[in-house]
């Protein structure tokens, strides 16, 4: 019987909370794109309402099979034109809240899929005395 957890050889989102996500133990406080093949770059978009074609260009350049878009603390869908722009390059788009996107990325990356997590990190409304967090 196996008692130790699996360790994937891909970047892993290790936690999330209001205004941050954890990537392999490091906390990131701004929107970020993380890829299953080691891609990682800042993503200058804080709100899905401001998502434009210029934000999609680096996603297309990475040539994943799927982009998991974390829309923030609540599920908000991207404009259909964004999905169409990615589909024109053979890239799928799934939108979910950022917490669900973190969990989904870990599962798909662990399966060996070439996936990007484009995570919108909304600024935390106010610093809390005790930071809430969730482990993935």
N, C-alpha and C. Protein backbone atom coordinates (compact mmCIF):
# COMPACT_ATOMS: atom_id res chain seq x y z
N UNK A 1 0.84 -1.17 0.00
CA UNK A 1 0.00 0.00 0.00
C UNK A 1 0.89 1.24 0.00
N UNK A 2 0.58 2.16 -0.89
CA UNK A 2 1.36 3.39 -1.01
C UNK A 2 0.83 4.41 0.00
N UNK A 3 1.71 4.96 0.84
CA UNK A 3 1.28 5.88 1.88
C UNK A 3 1.74 7.31 1.65
N UNK A 4 2.69 7.52 0.77
CA UNK A 4 3.15 8.89 0.51
C UNK A 4 2.40 9.47 -0.68
N UNK A 5 2.20 10.82 -0.68
CA UNK A 5 1.49 11.44 -1.81
C UNK A 5 2.34 11.42 -3.06
N UNK A 6 1.67 11.47 -4.20
CA UNK A 6 2.38 11.57 -5.47
C UNK A 6 3.07 12.93 -5.56
N UNK A 7 4.24 12.95 -6.14
CA UNK A 7 4.95 14.21 -6.41
C UNK A 7 5.09 14.31 -7.91
N UNK A 8 4.45 15.31 -8.48
CA UNK A 8 4.50 15.50 -9.91
C UNK A 8 5.77 16.26 -10.28
N UNK A 9 6.25 16.02 -11.48
CA UNK A 9 7.42 16.73 -12.00
C UNK A 9 6.98 17.93 -12.82
N UNK A 10 5.93 18.59 -12.38
CA UNK A 10 5.40 19.78 -13.04
C UNK A 10 5.17 20.84 -11.96
N UNK A 11 5.08 22.10 -12.35
CA UNK A 11 4.74 23.13 -11.36
C UNK A 11 3.42 22.77 -10.68
N UNK A 12 3.33 23.03 -9.40
CA UNK A 12 2.14 22.69 -8.64
C UNK A 12 1.63 23.91 -7.89
N UNK A 13 0.36 24.16 -7.99
CA UNK A 13 -0.26 25.23 -7.21
C UNK A 13 -0.56 24.63 -5.84
N UNK A 14 0.09 25.17 -4.83
CA UNK A 14 0.07 24.55 -3.50
C UNK A 14 -0.92 25.20 -2.53
N UNK A 15 -1.52 26.31 -2.90
CA UNK A 15 -2.50 26.95 -2.03
C UNK A 15 -3.04 28.20 -2.68
N UNK A 16 -4.07 28.76 -2.07
CA UNK A 16 -4.66 30.00 -2.56
C UNK A 16 -5.44 30.64 -1.43
N UNK A 17 -5.65 31.92 -1.57
CA UNK A 17 -6.42 32.68 -0.60
C UNK A 17 -6.78 34.02 -1.20
N UNK A 18 -7.47 34.86 -0.45
CA UNK A 18 -7.84 36.17 -0.99
C UNK A 18 -6.60 36.98 -1.36
N UNK A 19 -6.44 37.28 -2.65
CA UNK A 19 -5.33 38.11 -3.11
C UNK A 19 -4.03 37.39 -3.38
N UNK A 20 -4.00 36.05 -3.39
CA UNK A 20 -2.75 35.33 -3.65
C UNK A 20 -3.02 33.90 -4.09
N UNK A 21 -2.00 33.31 -4.72
CA UNK A 21 -1.93 31.86 -4.96
C UNK A 21 -0.53 31.42 -4.59
N UNK A 22 -0.40 30.16 -4.25
CA UNK A 22 0.90 29.59 -3.94
C UNK A 22 1.36 28.69 -5.07
N UNK A 23 2.59 28.89 -5.51
CA UNK A 23 3.16 28.06 -6.58
C UNK A 23 4.41 27.41 -6.03
N UNK A 24 4.37 26.11 -5.88
CA UNK A 24 5.48 25.35 -5.30
C UNK A 24 5.96 26.00 -4.01
N UNK A 25 5.00 26.45 -3.18
CA UNK A 25 5.33 27.01 -1.87
C UNK A 25 5.57 28.51 -1.85
N UNK A 26 5.71 29.16 -3.00
CA UNK A 26 5.93 30.61 -3.07
C UNK A 26 4.59 31.31 -3.25
N UNK A 27 4.34 32.37 -2.48
CA UNK A 27 3.10 33.13 -2.64
C UNK A 27 3.25 34.18 -3.73
N UNK A 28 2.25 34.23 -4.60
CA UNK A 28 2.22 35.19 -5.71
C UNK A 28 0.99 36.07 -5.50
N UNK A 29 1.19 37.40 -5.56
CA UNK A 29 0.14 38.34 -5.21
C UNK A 29 -0.42 39.11 -6.40
N UNK A 30 -0.07 38.72 -7.61
CA UNK A 30 -0.61 39.39 -8.79
C UNK A 30 -0.99 38.33 -9.82
N UNK A 31 -1.81 38.72 -10.76
CA UNK A 31 -2.27 37.77 -11.78
C UNK A 31 -1.08 37.13 -12.47
N UNK A 32 -1.22 35.84 -12.75
CA UNK A 32 -0.09 35.05 -13.24
C UNK A 32 -0.58 33.97 -14.18
N UNK A 33 0.29 33.57 -15.09
CA UNK A 33 0.05 32.41 -15.94
C UNK A 33 1.08 31.36 -15.55
N UNK A 34 0.60 30.16 -15.29
CA UNK A 34 1.45 29.03 -14.92
C UNK A 34 1.18 27.91 -15.91
N UNK A 35 2.24 27.30 -16.41
CA UNK A 35 2.08 26.23 -17.38
C UNK A 35 2.64 24.92 -16.89
N UNK A 36 2.09 23.85 -17.37
CA UNK A 36 2.53 22.52 -16.97
C UNK A 36 3.91 22.16 -17.50
N UNK A 37 4.43 22.95 -18.43
CA UNK A 37 5.79 22.70 -18.95
C UNK A 37 6.78 23.73 -18.42
N UNK A 38 6.45 24.32 -17.29
CA UNK A 38 7.36 25.25 -16.64
C UNK A 38 7.14 26.71 -16.99
N UNK A 39 6.18 27.01 -17.85
CA UNK A 39 5.91 28.40 -18.18
C UNK A 39 5.42 29.13 -16.92
N UNK A 40 5.87 30.36 -16.79
CA UNK A 40 5.38 31.20 -15.69
C UNK A 40 5.69 32.65 -16.04
N UNK A 41 4.65 33.47 -16.07
CA UNK A 41 4.87 34.88 -16.31
C UNK A 41 3.73 35.69 -15.71
N UNK A 42 4.07 36.94 -15.37
CA UNK A 42 3.06 37.85 -14.85
C UNK A 42 2.04 38.10 -15.95
N UNK A 43 0.82 38.33 -15.54
CA UNK A 43 -0.27 38.53 -16.48
C UNK A 43 -0.97 39.83 -16.09
N UNK A 44 -0.77 40.91 -16.84
CA UNK A 44 -1.23 42.23 -16.42
C UNK A 44 -2.74 42.45 -16.58
N UNK A 45 -3.53 41.63 -15.91
CA UNK A 45 -4.99 41.77 -15.94
C UNK A 45 -5.51 41.41 -14.55
N UNK A 46 -6.28 42.30 -13.93
CA UNK A 46 -6.80 42.02 -12.59
C UNK A 46 -8.29 41.69 -12.58
N UNK A 47 -8.96 41.92 -13.71
CA UNK A 47 -10.40 41.75 -13.73
C UNK A 47 -10.80 41.23 -15.10
N UNK A 48 -11.69 40.27 -15.12
CA UNK A 48 -12.09 39.67 -16.39
C UNK A 48 -12.75 40.68 -17.32
N UNK A 49 -13.34 41.73 -16.76
CA UNK A 49 -13.95 42.77 -17.59
C UNK A 49 -12.91 43.52 -18.42
N UNK A 50 -11.65 43.50 -17.96
CA UNK A 50 -10.58 44.20 -18.68
C UNK A 50 -9.78 43.26 -19.59
N UNK A 51 -10.17 42.00 -19.66
CA UNK A 51 -9.47 41.02 -20.48
C UNK A 51 -9.59 41.39 -21.95
N UNK A 52 -8.45 41.52 -22.61
CA UNK A 52 -8.44 41.89 -24.02
C UNK A 52 -7.58 40.96 -24.83
N UNK A 53 -7.57 41.18 -26.12
CA UNK A 53 -6.79 40.34 -27.03
C UNK A 53 -5.30 40.38 -26.68
N UNK A 54 -4.82 41.52 -26.17
CA UNK A 54 -3.40 41.62 -25.79
C UNK A 54 -3.04 40.67 -24.65
N UNK A 55 -4.03 40.29 -23.83
CA UNK A 55 -3.78 39.34 -22.75
C UNK A 55 -3.76 37.89 -23.26
N UNK A 56 -4.37 37.68 -24.42
CA UNK A 56 -4.43 36.33 -24.99
C UNK A 56 -3.18 35.98 -25.79
N UNK A 57 -2.50 36.97 -26.32
CA UNK A 57 -1.33 36.72 -27.17
C UNK A 57 -0.28 35.83 -26.51
N UNK A 58 0.12 36.09 -25.25
CA UNK A 58 1.13 35.19 -24.65
C UNK A 58 0.60 33.78 -24.39
N UNK A 59 -0.71 33.65 -24.23
CA UNK A 59 -1.30 32.32 -24.05
C UNK A 59 -1.20 31.53 -25.35
N UNK A 60 -1.51 32.19 -26.46
CA UNK A 60 -1.43 31.56 -27.78
C UNK A 60 0.01 31.19 -28.09
N UNK A 61 0.95 32.06 -27.73
CA UNK A 61 2.37 31.81 -28.01
C UNK A 61 2.88 30.56 -27.31
N UNK A 62 2.32 30.24 -26.14
CA UNK A 62 2.76 29.05 -25.40
C UNK A 62 2.23 27.75 -26.02
N UNK A 63 1.25 27.84 -26.88
CA UNK A 63 0.67 26.70 -27.61
C UNK A 63 0.21 25.55 -26.72
N UNK A 64 -0.58 25.84 -25.66
CA UNK A 64 -1.10 24.74 -24.85
C UNK A 64 -2.29 24.09 -25.56
N UNK A 65 -2.72 22.96 -25.05
CA UNK A 65 -3.95 22.38 -25.58
C UNK A 65 -5.17 22.98 -24.90
N UNK A 66 -4.97 23.52 -23.69
CA UNK A 66 -6.09 24.07 -22.92
C UNK A 66 -5.61 25.20 -22.03
N UNK A 67 -6.43 26.25 -21.91
CA UNK A 67 -6.21 27.32 -20.94
C UNK A 67 -7.33 27.22 -19.92
N UNK A 68 -6.95 27.12 -18.65
CA UNK A 68 -7.90 27.16 -17.56
C UNK A 68 -7.85 28.58 -17.01
N UNK A 69 -8.93 29.33 -17.21
CA UNK A 69 -8.98 30.72 -16.80
C UNK A 69 -9.63 30.83 -15.43
N UNK A 70 -8.87 31.29 -14.45
CA UNK A 70 -9.39 31.55 -13.12
C UNK A 70 -9.89 32.98 -13.08
N UNK A 71 -11.20 33.17 -12.95
CA UNK A 71 -11.83 34.48 -13.12
C UNK A 71 -11.88 35.32 -11.85
N UNK A 72 -11.22 34.90 -10.79
CA UNK A 72 -11.25 35.64 -9.53
C UNK A 72 -12.05 34.88 -8.49
N UNK A 73 -12.53 35.59 -7.51
CA UNK A 73 -13.22 34.93 -6.39
C UNK A 73 -14.59 34.38 -6.78
N UNK A 74 -15.15 34.88 -7.86
CA UNK A 74 -16.45 34.41 -8.35
C UNK A 74 -16.32 33.99 -9.80
N UNK A 75 -17.19 33.08 -10.20
CA UNK A 75 -17.21 32.65 -11.60
C UNK A 75 -17.76 33.77 -12.46
N UNK A 76 -16.92 34.21 -13.39
CA UNK A 76 -17.32 35.21 -14.38
C UNK A 76 -16.79 34.71 -15.72
N UNK A 77 -17.63 34.69 -16.71
CA UNK A 77 -17.22 34.12 -17.99
C UNK A 77 -16.52 35.14 -18.88
N UNK A 78 -15.55 34.67 -19.61
CA UNK A 78 -14.88 35.50 -20.61
C UNK A 78 -15.84 35.74 -21.77
N UNK A 79 -15.61 36.82 -22.50
CA UNK A 79 -16.42 37.13 -23.67
C UNK A 79 -16.22 36.00 -24.70
N UNK A 80 -17.28 35.61 -25.39
CA UNK A 80 -17.15 34.54 -26.39
C UNK A 80 -16.06 34.79 -27.43
N UNK A 81 -15.75 36.04 -27.71
CA UNK A 81 -14.69 36.32 -28.69
C UNK A 81 -13.32 35.84 -28.20
N UNK A 82 -13.13 35.80 -26.88
CA UNK A 82 -11.86 35.32 -26.34
C UNK A 82 -11.73 33.81 -26.56
N UNK A 83 -12.80 33.09 -26.33
CA UNK A 83 -12.78 31.64 -26.58
C UNK A 83 -12.57 31.37 -28.06
N UNK A 84 -13.21 32.16 -28.91
CA UNK A 84 -13.07 31.99 -30.36
C UNK A 84 -11.65 32.27 -30.82
N UNK A 85 -11.02 33.29 -30.22
CA UNK A 85 -9.63 33.63 -30.59
C UNK A 85 -8.69 32.48 -30.25
N UNK A 86 -8.88 31.86 -29.09
CA UNK A 86 -8.04 30.72 -28.72
C UNK A 86 -8.37 29.50 -29.57
N UNK A 87 -9.65 29.27 -29.82
CA UNK A 87 -10.06 28.11 -30.62
C UNK A 87 -9.50 28.18 -32.04
N UNK A 88 -9.33 29.39 -32.55
CA UNK A 88 -8.76 29.55 -33.89
C UNK A 88 -7.34 29.01 -33.96
N UNK A 89 -6.70 28.87 -32.81
CA UNK A 89 -5.34 28.31 -32.74
C UNK A 89 -5.35 26.88 -32.19
N UNK A 90 -6.52 26.29 -32.07
CA UNK A 90 -6.63 24.92 -31.57
C UNK A 90 -6.48 24.81 -30.07
N UNK A 91 -6.76 25.90 -29.35
CA UNK A 91 -6.60 25.93 -27.90
C UNK A 91 -7.98 26.03 -27.26
N UNK A 92 -8.26 25.13 -26.33
CA UNK A 92 -9.52 25.18 -25.61
C UNK A 92 -9.46 26.18 -24.46
N UNK A 93 -10.62 26.64 -24.01
CA UNK A 93 -10.71 27.58 -22.89
C UNK A 93 -11.80 27.10 -21.95
N UNK A 94 -11.44 26.94 -20.69
CA UNK A 94 -12.39 26.63 -19.63
C UNK A 94 -12.29 27.72 -18.59
N UNK A 95 -13.42 28.31 -18.21
CA UNK A 95 -13.43 29.37 -17.22
C UNK A 95 -14.08 28.87 -15.94
N UNK A 96 -13.45 29.22 -14.82
CA UNK A 96 -13.98 28.87 -13.50
C UNK A 96 -13.42 29.86 -12.50
N UNK A 97 -13.91 29.85 -11.26
CA UNK A 97 -13.32 30.75 -10.29
C UNK A 97 -11.87 30.33 -10.05
N UNK A 98 -11.07 31.23 -9.52
CA UNK A 98 -9.63 30.97 -9.42
C UNK A 98 -9.32 29.75 -8.55
N UNK A 99 -10.05 29.55 -7.46
CA UNK A 99 -9.80 28.38 -6.61
C UNK A 99 -10.00 27.08 -7.39
N UNK A 100 -11.09 27.00 -8.14
CA UNK A 100 -11.35 25.80 -8.94
C UNK A 100 -10.31 25.65 -10.05
N UNK A 101 -9.88 26.77 -10.63
CA UNK A 101 -8.86 26.72 -11.68
C UNK A 101 -7.54 26.17 -11.14
N UNK A 102 -7.19 26.53 -9.91
CA UNK A 102 -5.96 26.01 -9.29
C UNK A 102 -6.04 24.49 -9.16
N UNK A 103 -7.14 23.99 -8.65
CA UNK A 103 -7.30 22.55 -8.47
C UNK A 103 -7.31 21.82 -9.81
N UNK A 104 -8.02 22.39 -10.79
CA UNK A 104 -8.12 21.76 -12.11
C UNK A 104 -6.76 21.73 -12.79
N UNK A 105 -6.01 22.82 -12.69
CA UNK A 105 -4.66 22.85 -13.27
C UNK A 105 -3.82 21.72 -12.71
N UNK A 106 -3.82 21.54 -11.40
CA UNK A 106 -3.00 20.49 -10.79
C UNK A 106 -3.36 19.11 -11.32
N UNK A 107 -4.64 18.86 -11.47
CA UNK A 107 -5.08 17.55 -11.96
C UNK A 107 -4.63 17.34 -13.41
N UNK A 108 -4.89 18.32 -14.27
CA UNK A 108 -4.54 18.17 -15.69
C UNK A 108 -3.03 18.13 -15.89
N UNK A 109 -2.29 18.98 -15.17
CA UNK A 109 -0.83 18.96 -15.29
C UNK A 109 -0.28 17.63 -14.81
N UNK A 110 -0.85 17.10 -13.74
CA UNK A 110 -0.41 15.80 -13.21
C UNK A 110 -0.67 14.66 -14.16
N UNK A 111 -1.66 14.83 -15.04
CA UNK A 111 -1.96 13.82 -16.06
C UNK A 111 -1.04 13.94 -17.27
N UNK A 112 -0.16 14.95 -17.27
CA UNK A 112 0.76 15.11 -18.39
C UNK A 112 0.21 15.96 -19.52
N UNK A 113 -0.90 16.64 -19.31
CA UNK A 113 -1.47 17.50 -20.35
C UNK A 113 -0.71 18.82 -20.41
N UNK A 114 -0.64 19.42 -21.59
CA UNK A 114 -0.02 20.75 -21.72
C UNK A 114 -1.12 21.77 -21.49
N UNK A 115 -1.17 22.29 -20.30
CA UNK A 115 -2.22 23.19 -19.87
C UNK A 115 -1.61 24.45 -19.26
N UNK A 116 -2.30 25.57 -19.45
CA UNK A 116 -1.93 26.82 -18.79
C UNK A 116 -3.05 27.19 -17.83
N UNK A 117 -2.68 27.68 -16.66
CA UNK A 117 -3.63 28.29 -15.74
C UNK A 117 -3.39 29.79 -15.82
N UNK A 118 -4.37 30.52 -16.32
CA UNK A 118 -4.32 31.98 -16.37
C UNK A 118 -5.17 32.46 -15.20
N UNK A 119 -4.50 32.89 -14.13
CA UNK A 119 -5.17 33.15 -12.87
C UNK A 119 -5.28 34.64 -12.59
N UNK A 120 -6.50 35.14 -12.53
CA UNK A 120 -6.74 36.53 -12.17
C UNK A 120 -6.72 36.63 -10.65
N UNK A 121 -5.78 37.38 -10.14
CA UNK A 121 -5.66 37.58 -8.69
C UNK A 121 -6.18 38.97 -8.38
N UNK A 122 -7.32 39.01 -7.74
CA UNK A 122 -7.91 40.28 -7.36
C UNK A 122 -7.23 40.76 -6.08
N UNK A 123 -6.98 42.06 -5.99
CA UNK A 123 -6.38 42.56 -4.76
C UNK A 123 -7.27 42.22 -3.57
N UNK A 124 -6.65 41.83 -2.47
CA UNK A 124 -7.39 41.51 -1.26
C UNK A 124 -8.10 42.77 -0.77
N UNK A 125 -9.38 42.66 -0.37
CA UNK A 125 -10.13 43.84 0.03
C UNK A 125 -9.50 44.61 1.19
N UNK A 126 -8.97 43.90 2.15
CA UNK A 126 -8.27 44.54 3.26
C UNK A 126 -7.40 43.51 3.93
N UNK A 127 -6.27 43.94 4.48
CA UNK A 127 -5.43 42.97 5.15
C UNK A 127 -6.13 42.43 6.38
N UNK A 128 -6.23 41.14 6.46
CA UNK A 128 -6.88 40.51 7.60
C UNK A 128 -5.84 40.19 8.67
N UNK A 129 -6.24 40.26 9.94
CA UNK A 129 -5.29 39.94 11.00
C UNK A 129 -4.75 38.53 10.88
N UNK A 130 -5.61 37.61 10.46
CA UNK A 130 -5.17 36.23 10.27
C UNK A 130 -5.53 35.85 8.84
N UNK A 131 -4.52 35.54 8.04
CA UNK A 131 -4.73 35.25 6.63
C UNK A 131 -5.42 33.90 6.46
N UNK A 132 -6.54 33.89 5.70
CA UNK A 132 -7.20 32.66 5.37
C UNK A 132 -6.52 32.03 4.18
N UNK A 133 -6.42 30.73 4.17
CA UNK A 133 -5.84 30.08 3.02
C UNK A 133 -6.41 28.69 2.87
N UNK A 134 -6.26 28.18 1.69
CA UNK A 134 -6.66 26.81 1.39
C UNK A 134 -5.48 26.12 0.75
N UNK A 135 -5.29 24.89 1.13
CA UNK A 135 -4.27 24.08 0.50
C UNK A 135 -4.91 23.33 -0.65
N UNK A 136 -4.16 23.15 -1.70
CA UNK A 136 -4.66 22.43 -2.86
C UNK A 136 -4.25 20.99 -2.76
